[in-house]
Amino acid sequence: MAYSSSLFACGFILLLISISIPVLAVFYFETCSALLLDLCHFSSLIEMIWGCTSNIERIVQ
């Protein structure tokens, strides 16, 4: 009886792991895509500031 209950516990743990892996993968992907999106916004902001400063330098000269 103890053997079958430990086998059941092992199967239950494997089931939980197999359920949690895709959930964690989706969470990881969402986090990474949000970070990448923020990075893209940040780089475009830097490009915009860089463009403004180069325009101002051109006007001053």
PDB file of N, CA and C in Angstrom:
ATOM      1  N   MET A   1       0.824  -1.204   0.000  1.00  0.00           N
ATOM      2  CA  MET A   1       0.000   0.000   0.000  1.00  0.00           C
ATOM      3  C   MET A   1       0.864   1.263   0.000  1.00  0.00           C
ATOM      4  N   ALA A   2       1.943   1.239   0.785  1.00  0.00           N
ATOM      5  CA  ALA A   2       2.821   2.409   0.853  1.00  0.00           C
ATOM      6  C   ALA A   2       3.485   2.654  -0.496  1.00  0.00           C
ATOM      7  N   TYR A   3       3.794   1.563  -1.190  1.00  0.00           N
ATOM      8  CA  TYR A   3       4.436   1.699  -2.500  1.00  0.00           C
ATOM      9  C   TYR A   3       3.504   2.388  -3.494  1.00  0.00           C
ATOM     10  N   SER A   4       2.230   2.002  -3.500  1.00  0.00           N
ATOM     11  CA  SER A   4       1.293   2.589  -4.456  1.00  0.00           C
ATOM     12  C   SER A   4       1.011   4.055  -4.128  1.00  0.00           C
ATOM     13  N   SER A   5       0.990   4.407  -2.840  1.00  0.00           N
ATOM     14  CA  SER A   5       0.749   5.810  -2.494  1.00  0.00           C
ATOM     15  C   SER A   5       1.955   6.681  -2.854  1.00  0.00           C
ATOM     16  N   SER A   6       3.163   6.147  -2.696  1.00  0.00           N
ATOM     17  CA  SER A   6       4.340   6.928  -3.094  1.00  0.00           C
ATOM     18  C   SER A   6       4.399   7.048  -4.611  1.00  0.00           C
ATOM     19  N   LEU A   7       3.971   6.002  -5.311  1.00  0.00           N
ATOM     20  CA  LEU A   7       3.898   6.053  -6.768  1.00  0.00           C
ATOM     21  C   LEU A   7       2.871   7.087  -7.209  1.00  0.00           C
ATOM     22  N   PHE A   8       1.744   7.129  -6.491  1.00  0.00           N
ATOM     23  CA  PHE A   8       0.702   8.112  -6.794  1.00  0.00           C
ATOM     24  C   PHE A   8       1.222   9.525  -6.549  1.00  0.00           C
ATOM     25  N   ALA A   9       1.954   9.711  -5.443  1.00  0.00           N
ATOM     26  CA  ALA A   9       2.511  11.031  -5.132  1.00  0.00           C
ATOM     27  C   ALA A   9       3.511  11.447  -6.203  1.00  0.00           C
ATOM     28  N   CYS A  10       4.319  10.502  -6.656  1.00  0.00           N
ATOM     29  CA  CYS A  10       5.297  10.800  -7.701  1.00  0.00           C
ATOM     30  C   CYS A  10       4.588  11.186  -8.996  1.00  0.00           C
ATOM     31  N   GLY A  11       3.544  10.467  -9.354  1.00  0.00           N
ATOM     32  CA  GLY A  11       2.772  10.791 -10.549  1.00  0.00           C
ATOM     33  C   GLY A  11       2.086  12.135 -10.435  1.00  0.00           C
ATOM     34  N   PHE A  12       1.582  12.432  -9.232  1.00  0.00           N
ATOM     35  CA  PHE A  12       0.908  13.714  -9.007  1.00  0.00           C
ATOM     36  C   PHE A  12       1.895  14.873  -9.142  1.00  0.00           C
ATOM     37  N   ILE A  13       3.100  14.697  -8.602  1.00  0.00           N
ATOM     38  CA  ILE A  13       4.135  15.732  -8.704  1.00  0.00           C
ATOM     39  C   ILE A  13       4.535  15.931 -10.166  1.00  0.00           C
ATOM     40  N   LEU A  14       4.683  14.830 -10.905  1.00  0.00           N
ATOM     41  CA  LEU A  14       5.005  14.933 -12.331  1.00  0.00           C
ATOM     42  C   LEU A  14       3.896  15.644 -13.094  1.00  0.00           C
ATOM     43  N   LEU A  15       2.641  15.380 -12.710  1.00  0.00           N
ATOM     44  CA  LEU A  15       1.509  16.049 -13.351  1.00  0.00           C
ATOM     45  C   LEU A  15       1.553  17.548 -13.071  1.00  0.00           C
ATOM     46  N   LEU A  16       1.827  17.918 -11.821  1.00  0.00           N
ATOM     47  CA  LEU A  16       1.927  19.341 -11.469  1.00  0.00           C
ATOM     48  C   LEU A  16       3.054  20.014 -12.242  1.00  0.00           C
ATOM     49  N   ILE A  17       4.182  19.327 -12.363  1.00  0.00           N
ATOM     50  CA  ILE A  17       5.320  19.895 -13.098  1.00  0.00           C
ATOM     51  C   ILE A  17       4.959  20.081 -14.567  1.00  0.00           C
ATOM     52  N   SER A  18       4.292  19.083 -15.155  1.00  0.00           N
ATOM     53  CA  SER A  18       3.938  19.178 -16.574  1.00  0.00           C
ATOM     54  C   SER A  18       2.897  20.265 -16.809  1.00  0.00           C
ATOM     55  N   ILE A  19       2.062  20.552 -15.809  1.00  0.00           N
ATOM     56  CA  ILE A  19       1.098  21.654 -15.944  1.00  0.00           C
ATOM     57  C   ILE A  19       1.802  22.995 -15.766  1.00  0.00           C
ATOM     58  N   SER A  20       2.729  23.071 -14.817  1.00  0.00           N
ATOM     59  CA  SER A  20       3.340  24.364 -14.495  1.00  0.00           C
ATOM     60  C   SER A  20       4.374  24.803 -15.525  1.00  0.00           C
ATOM     61  N   ILE A  21       4.979  23.877 -16.264  1.00  0.00           N
ATOM     62  CA  ILE A  21       6.016  24.262 -17.236  1.00  0.00           C
ATOM     63  C   ILE A  21       5.465  25.175 -18.329  1.00  0.00           C
ATOM     64  N   PRO A  22       4.333  24.833 -19.004  1.00  0.00           N
ATOM     65  CA  PRO A  22       3.821  25.778 -20.007  1.00  0.00           C
ATOM     66  C   PRO A  22       3.370  27.096 -19.409  1.00  0.00           C
ATOM     67  N   VAL A  23       2.812  27.064 -18.210  1.00  0.00           N
ATOM     68  CA  VAL A  23       2.389  28.308 -17.554  1.00  0.00           C
ATOM     69  C   VAL A  23       3.598  29.196 -17.302  1.00  0.00           C
ATOM     70  N   LEU A  24       4.672  28.603 -16.780  1.00  0.00           N
ATOM     71  CA  LEU A  24       5.900  29.357 -16.541  1.00  0.00           C
ATOM     72  C   LEU A  24       6.506  29.841 -17.848  1.00  0.00           C
ATOM     73  N   ALA A  25       6.421  29.012 -18.898  1.00  0.00           N
ATOM     74  CA  ALA A  25       6.970  29.412 -20.192  1.00  0.00           C
ATOM     75  C   ALA A  25       6.213  30.613 -20.742  1.00  0.00           C
ATOM     76  N   VAL A  26       4.882  30.590 -20.619  1.00  0.00           N
ATOM     77  CA  VAL A  26       4.072  31.717 -21.093  1.00  0.00           C
ATOM     78  C   VAL A  26       4.389  32.966 -20.283  1.00  0.00           C
ATOM     79  N   PHE A  27       4.503  32.818 -18.948  1.00  0.00           N
ATOM     80  CA  PHE A  27       4.825  33.955 -18.084  1.00  0.00           C
ATOM     81  C   PHE A  27       6.190  34.530 -18.450  1.00  0.00           C
ATOM     82  N   TYR A  28       7.168  33.643 -18.681  1.00  0.00           N
ATOM     83  CA  TYR A  28       8.518  34.069 -19.051  1.00  0.00           C
ATOM     84  C   TYR A  28       8.499  34.794 -20.390  1.00  0.00           C
ATOM     85  N   PHE A  29       7.736  34.257 -21.355  1.00  0.00           N
ATOM     86  CA  PHE A  29       7.652  34.873 -22.673  1.00  0.00           C
ATOM     87  C   PHE A  29       6.994  36.244 -22.589  1.00  0.00           C
ATOM     88  N   GLU A  30       5.916  36.346 -21.794  1.00  0.00           N
ATOM     89  CA  GLU A  30       5.231  37.630 -21.640  1.00  0.00           C
ATOM     90  C   GLU A  30       6.169  38.661 -21.017  1.00  0.00           C
ATOM     91  N   THR A  31       6.909  38.251 -19.980  1.00  0.00           N
ATOM     92  CA  THR A  31       7.841  39.161 -19.318  1.00  0.00           C
ATOM     93  C   THR A  31       8.929  39.614 -20.281  1.00  0.00           C
ATOM     94  N   CYS A  32       9.481  38.663 -21.032  1.00  0.00           N
ATOM     95  CA  CYS A  32      10.549  39.007 -21.976  1.00  0.00           C
ATOM     96  C   CYS A  32      10.043  39.920 -23.076  1.00  0.00           C
ATOM     97  N   SER A  33       8.839  39.643 -23.592  1.00  0.00           N
ATOM     98  CA  SER A  33       8.318  40.491 -24.666  1.00  0.00           C
ATOM     99  C   SER A  33       8.023  41.890 -24.142  1.00  0.00           C
ATOM    100  N   ALA A  34       7.548  41.992 -22.889  1.00  0.00           N
ATOM    101  CA  ALA A  34       7.312  43.315 -22.308  1.00  0.00           C
ATOM    102  C   ALA A  34       8.628  44.066 -22.140  1.00  0.00           C
ATOM    103  N   LEU A  35       9.658  43.362 -21.692  1.00  0.00           N
ATOM    104  CA  LEU A  35      10.971  43.994 -21.540  1.00  0.00           C
ATOM    105  C   LEU A  35      11.526  44.430 -22.884  1.00  0.00           C
ATOM    106  N   LEU A  36      11.363  43.584 -23.911  1.00  0.00           N
ATOM    107  CA  LEU A  36      11.846  43.938 -25.244  1.00  0.00           C
ATOM    108  C   LEU A  36      11.093  45.139 -25.789  1.00  0.00           C
ATOM    109  N   LEU A  37       9.785  45.188 -25.526  1.00  0.00           N
ATOM    110  CA  LEU A  37       8.980  46.318 -25.979  1.00  0.00           C
ATOM    111  C   LEU A  37       9.455  47.595 -25.299  1.00  0.00           C
ATOM    112  N   ASP A  38       9.719  47.527 -23.982  1.00  0.00           N
ATOM    113  CA  ASP A  38      10.230  48.691 -23.262  1.00  0.00           C
ATOM    114  C   ASP A  38      11.583  49.113 -23.822  1.00  0.00           C
ATOM    115  N   LEU A  39      12.419  48.137 -24.158  1.00  0.00           N
ATOM    116  CA  LEU A  39      13.726  48.446 -24.727  1.00  0.00           C
ATOM    117  C   LEU A  39      13.584  49.145 -26.063  1.00  0.00           C
ATOM    118  N   CYS A  40      12.612  48.689 -26.875  1.00  0.00           N
ATOM    119  CA  CYS A  40      12.390  49.327 -28.177  1.00  0.00           C
ATOM    120  C   CYS A  40      11.903  50.759 -27.988  1.00  0.00           C
ATOM    121  N   HIS A  41      10.985  50.961 -27.038  1.00  0.00           N
ATOM    122  CA  HIS A  41      10.513  52.319 -26.758  1.00  0.00           C
ATOM    123  C   HIS A  41      11.666  53.194 -26.282  1.00  0.00           C
ATOM    124  N   PHE A  42      12.516  52.626 -25.424  1.00  0.00           N
ATOM    125  CA  PHE A  42      13.641  53.368 -24.877  1.00  0.00           C
ATOM    126  C   PHE A  42      14.616  53.759 -25.978  1.00  0.00           C
ATOM    127  N   SER A  43      14.905  52.820 -26.884  1.00  0.00           N
ATOM    128  CA  SER A  43      15.848  53.128 -27.966  1.00  0.00           C
ATOM    129  C   SER A  43      15.261  54.154 -28.922  1.00  0.00           C
ATOM    130  N   SER A  44      13.953  54.089 -29.183  1.00  0.00           N
ATOM    131  CA  SER A  44      13.345  55.087 -30.070  1.00  0.00           C
ATOM    132  C   SER A  44      13.329  56.456 -29.394  1.00  0.00           C
ATOM    133  N   LEU A  45      13.172  56.466 -28.070  1.00  0.00           N
ATOM    134  CA  LEU A  45      13.234  57.734 -27.331  1.00  0.00           C
ATOM    135  C   LEU A  45      14.632  58.334 -27.433  1.00  0.00           C
ATOM    136  N   ILE A  46      15.656  57.489 -27.305  1.00  0.00           N
ATOM    137  CA  ILE A  46      17.040  57.963 -27.433  1.00  0.00           C
ATOM    138  C   ILE A  46      17.285  58.493 -28.844  1.00  0.00           C
ATOM    139  N   GLU A  47      16.768  57.774 -29.860  1.00  0.00           N
ATOM    140  CA  GLU A  47      16.929  58.242 -31.244  1.00  0.00           C
ATOM    141  C   GLU A  47      16.233  59.579 -31.451  1.00  0.00           C
ATOM    142  N   MET A  48      15.055  59.750 -30.835  1.00  0.00           N
ATOM    143  CA  MET A  48      14.323  61.003 -30.973  1.00  0.00           C
ATOM    144  C   MET A  48      15.104  62.153 -30.334  1.00  0.00           C
ATOM    145  N   ILE A  49      15.639  61.912 -29.126  1.00  0.00           N
ATOM    146  CA  ILE A  49      16.432  62.945 -28.445  1.00  0.00           C
ATOM    147  C   ILE A  49      17.683  63.255 -29.261  1.00  0.00           C
ATOM    148  N   TRP A  50      18.329  62.200 -29.807  1.00  0.00           N
ATOM    149  CA  TRP A  50      19.535  62.376 -30.617  1.00  0.00           C
ATOM    150  C   TRP A  50      19.217  63.203 -31.857  1.00  0.00           C
ATOM    151  N   GLY A  51      18.089  62.915 -32.496  1.00  0.00           N
ATOM    152  CA  GLY A  51      17.677  63.673 -33.675  1.00  0.00           C
ATOM    153  C   GLY A  51      17.392  65.124 -33.342  1.00  0.00           C
ATOM    154  N   CYS A  52      16.742  65.378 -32.201  1.00  0.00           N
ATOM    155  CA  CYS A  52      16.447  66.753 -31.787  1.00  0.00           C
ATOM    156  C   CYS A  52      17.732  67.524 -31.524  1.00  0.00           C
ATOM    157  N   THR A  53      18.683  66.891 -30.841  1.00  0.00           N
ATOM    158  CA  THR A  53      19.936  67.594 -30.535  1.00  0.00           C
ATOM    159  C   THR A  53      20.724  67.871 -31.803  1.00  0.00           C
ATOM    160  N   SER A  54      20.719  66.932 -32.767  1.00  0.00           N
ATOM    161  CA  SER A  54      21.446  67.182 -34.015  1.00  0.00           C
ATOM    162  C   SER A  54      20.760  68.281 -34.819  1.00  0.00           C
ATOM    163  N   ASN A  55      19.430  68.348 -34.771  1.00  0.00           N
ATOM    164  CA  ASN A  55      18.709  69.435 -35.447  1.00  0.00           C
ATOM    165  C   ASN A  55      19.039  70.778 -34.809  1.00  0.00           C
ATOM    166  N   ILE A  56      19.107  70.812 -33.475  1.00  0.00           N
ATOM    167  CA  ILE A  56      19.430  72.058 -32.763  1.00  0.00           C
ATOM    168  C   ILE A  56      20.851  72.496 -33.112  1.00  0.00           C
ATOM    169  N   GLU A  57      21.793  71.530 -33.173  1.00  0.00           N
ATOM    170  CA  GLU A  57      23.170  71.867 -33.541  1.00  0.00           C
ATOM    171  C   GLU A  57      23.231  72.420 -34.961  1.00  0.00           C
ATOM    172  N   ARG A  58      22.437  71.847 -35.858  1.00  0.00           N
ATOM    173  CA  ARG A  58      22.402  72.333 -37.237  1.00  0.00           C
ATOM    174  C   ARG A  58      21.840  73.758 -37.294  1.00  0.00           C
ATOM    175  N   ILE A  59      20.815  74.026 -36.481  1.00  0.00           N
ATOM    176  CA  ILE A  59      20.212  75.367 -36.461  1.00  0.00           C
ATOM    177  C   ILE A  59      21.204  76.381 -35.900  1.00  0.00           C
ATOM    178  N   VAL A  60      21.922  75.987 -34.835  1.00  0.00           N
ATOM    179  CA  VAL A  60      22.874  76.892 -34.191  1.00  0.00           C
ATOM    180  C   VAL A  60      24.020  77.217 -35.149  1.00  0.00           C
ATOM    181  N   GLN A  61      24.479  76.236 -35.901  1.00  0.00           N
ATOM    182  CA  GLN A  61      25.575  76.487 -36.845  1.00  0.00           C
ATOM    183  C   GLN A  61      25.028  77.273 -38.015  1.00  0.00           C
TER     184      GLN A  61
END
